[in-house]
Amino acid sequence: MITPQQPKLWGYCRASTDLQKDSPDIQEAQLRQRWAVGDMDGEPAEIFKEHRSAVDLRYDERPAFIRLMHVVQAGDHLFVTHLDRIDRNPFGLMRAAEWLQRRDVHLHVLNFPGRG
């Protein structure tokens, strides 16, 4: 009998430079703080961080996001601090969201516009 695998909690942090107010290290701290709440069904896995401009490279051209795409599985959860961490281009963002949806990966955005 095959036992279902417990979902994993993944994170993705991106900034163009360390000088940005939301550097990858600050984003990582926010994700870990959210995971510490303990109300998610899943085990913390890895947080992928990179310094790449969304203007220069689409989400599927950035090395850390490509590695992330290879490890997430159906039922897993992907956390970002802001939606534009994945891609600033709305068409790239839609493609990324469709990719995640087709693979049954749940996207969580900590700071979603209009929330709160």
Protein backbone atom coordinates (compact mmCIF):
# COMPACT_ATOMS: atom_id res chain seq x y z
CA MET A 1 0.00 0.00 0.00
CA ILE A 2 1.29 3.49 -0.90
CA THR A 3 1.12 6.07 1.86
CA PRO A 4 0.31 9.57 0.65
CA GLN A 5 3.18 12.00 1.08
CA GLN A 6 2.59 14.92 3.44
CA PRO A 7 2.53 18.22 1.54
CA LYS A 8 5.58 20.42 1.77
CA LEU A 9 5.78 24.15 2.36
CA TRP A 10 8.07 25.91 -0.12
CA GLY A 11 9.08 29.53 -0.32
CA TYR A 12 10.36 31.81 -3.03
CA CYS A 13 12.06 35.16 -2.37
CA ARG A 14 13.36 37.52 -5.00
CA ALA A 15 14.79 41.02 -5.12
CA SER A 16 16.93 42.83 -7.65
CA THR A 17 19.41 44.01 -4.98
CA ASP A 18 20.10 43.60 -1.26
CA LEU A 19 19.37 47.30 -0.86
CA GLN A 20 15.67 46.86 -1.54
CA LYS A 21 13.50 47.22 1.55
CA ASP A 22 12.19 43.69 1.01
CA SER A 23 15.48 41.89 0.47
CA PRO A 24 15.35 38.09 0.12
CA ASP A 25 16.53 37.73 3.73
CA ILE A 26 13.66 39.90 5.00
CA GLN A 27 11.22 37.97 2.82
CA GLU A 28 12.58 34.68 4.16
CA ALA A 29 12.04 35.85 7.75
CA GLN A 30 8.42 36.75 6.91
CA LEU A 31 7.80 33.32 5.36
CA ARG A 32 9.35 31.48 8.32
CA GLN A 33 7.27 33.58 10.71
CA ARG A 34 4.12 32.59 8.80
CA TRP A 35 5.10 28.92 8.87
CA ALA A 36 5.73 29.12 12.62
CA VAL A 37 2.02 29.78 13.16
CA GLY A 38 1.61 26.06 12.55
CA ASP A 39 -1.86 26.09 11.00
CA MET A 40 -0.77 24.70 7.63
CA ASP A 41 -1.03 21.07 6.64
CA GLY A 42 2.53 20.44 5.56
CA GLU A 43 6.16 20.37 6.54
CA PRO A 44 8.56 23.26 5.87
CA ALA A 45 10.90 22.28 3.08
CA GLU A 46 13.10 24.92 1.46
CA ILE A 47 13.05 28.60 0.66
CA PHE A 48 14.56 29.50 -2.70
CA LYS A 49 16.16 32.96 -2.86
CA GLU A 50 17.67 34.92 -5.68
CA HIS A 51 18.78 38.35 -6.79
CA ARG A 52 17.30 38.69 -10.26
CA SER A 53 15.28 41.40 -11.87
CA ALA A 54 11.84 40.43 -13.13
CA VAL A 55 12.39 42.96 -15.91
CA ASP A 56 15.39 41.04 -17.25
CA LEU A 57 14.21 37.46 -16.73
CA ARG A 58 10.78 35.84 -16.64
CA TYR A 59 9.96 33.49 -13.76
CA ASP A 60 10.78 30.42 -15.88
CA GLU A 61 14.21 31.81 -16.79
CA ARG A 62 15.44 32.42 -13.22
CA PRO A 63 17.68 29.64 -11.83
CA ALA A 64 16.16 29.42 -8.33
CA PHE A 65 12.59 29.39 -9.63
CA ILE A 66 13.52 26.70 -12.17
CA ARG A 67 14.94 24.55 -9.33
CA LEU A 68 11.73 25.17 -7.37
CA MET A 69 9.63 24.07 -10.36
CA HIS A 70 11.50 20.75 -10.36
CA VAL A 71 10.81 19.90 -6.71
CA VAL A 72 7.23 21.00 -5.99
CA GLN A 73 4.65 18.24 -6.14
CA ALA A 74 0.88 18.01 -6.19
CA GLY A 75 -0.59 19.17 -2.90
CA ASP A 76 2.46 21.24 -1.93
CA HIS A 77 2.20 24.91 -0.92
CA LEU A 78 4.27 27.75 -2.37
CA PHE A 79 4.61 30.92 -0.29
CA VAL A 80 5.70 34.36 -1.49
CA THR A 81 5.56 37.68 0.33
CA HIS A 82 4.15 39.58 -2.67
CA LEU A 83 2.69 38.38 -5.95
CA ASP A 84 5.25 40.33 -7.97
CA ARG A 85 8.05 38.23 -6.47
CA ILE A 86 7.06 35.56 -9.01
CA ASP A 87 6.82 37.93 -11.98
CA ARG A 88 6.03 41.60 -12.51
CA ASN A 89 4.64 41.03 -15.99
CA PRO A 90 0.93 40.12 -15.73
CA PHE A 91 1.20 37.64 -18.60
CA GLY A 92 4.19 35.90 -17.01
CA LEU A 93 2.36 35.87 -13.70
CA MET A 94 -0.69 34.26 -15.33
CA ARG A 95 1.51 31.60 -16.97
CA ALA A 96 3.16 30.87 -13.62
CA ALA A 97 -0.24 30.65 -11.87
CA GLU A 98 -1.53 28.30 -14.57
CA TRP A 99 1.58 26.14 -14.23
CA LEU A 100 1.07 25.89 -10.46
CA GLN A 101 -2.65 25.17 -10.85
CA ARG A 102 -2.06 22.38 -13.39
CA ARG A 103 0.29 20.73 -10.90
CA ASP A 104 -2.09 21.26 -7.93
CA VAL A 105 0.42 23.47 -6.09
CA HIS A 106 -1.29 25.93 -3.74
CA LEU A 107 -0.01 29.51 -3.96
CA HIS A 108 -0.04 31.65 -0.80
CA VAL A 109 0.68 35.39 -1.00
CA LEU A 110 1.33 36.95 2.41
CA ASN A 111 0.78 40.58 1.37
CA PHE A 112 -2.00 40.53 -1.19
CA PRO A 113 -3.33 43.92 -2.40
CA GLY A 114 -6.76 44.71 -0.99
CA ARG A 115 -6.44 42.26 1.89
CA GLY A 116 -6.82 43.43 5.42
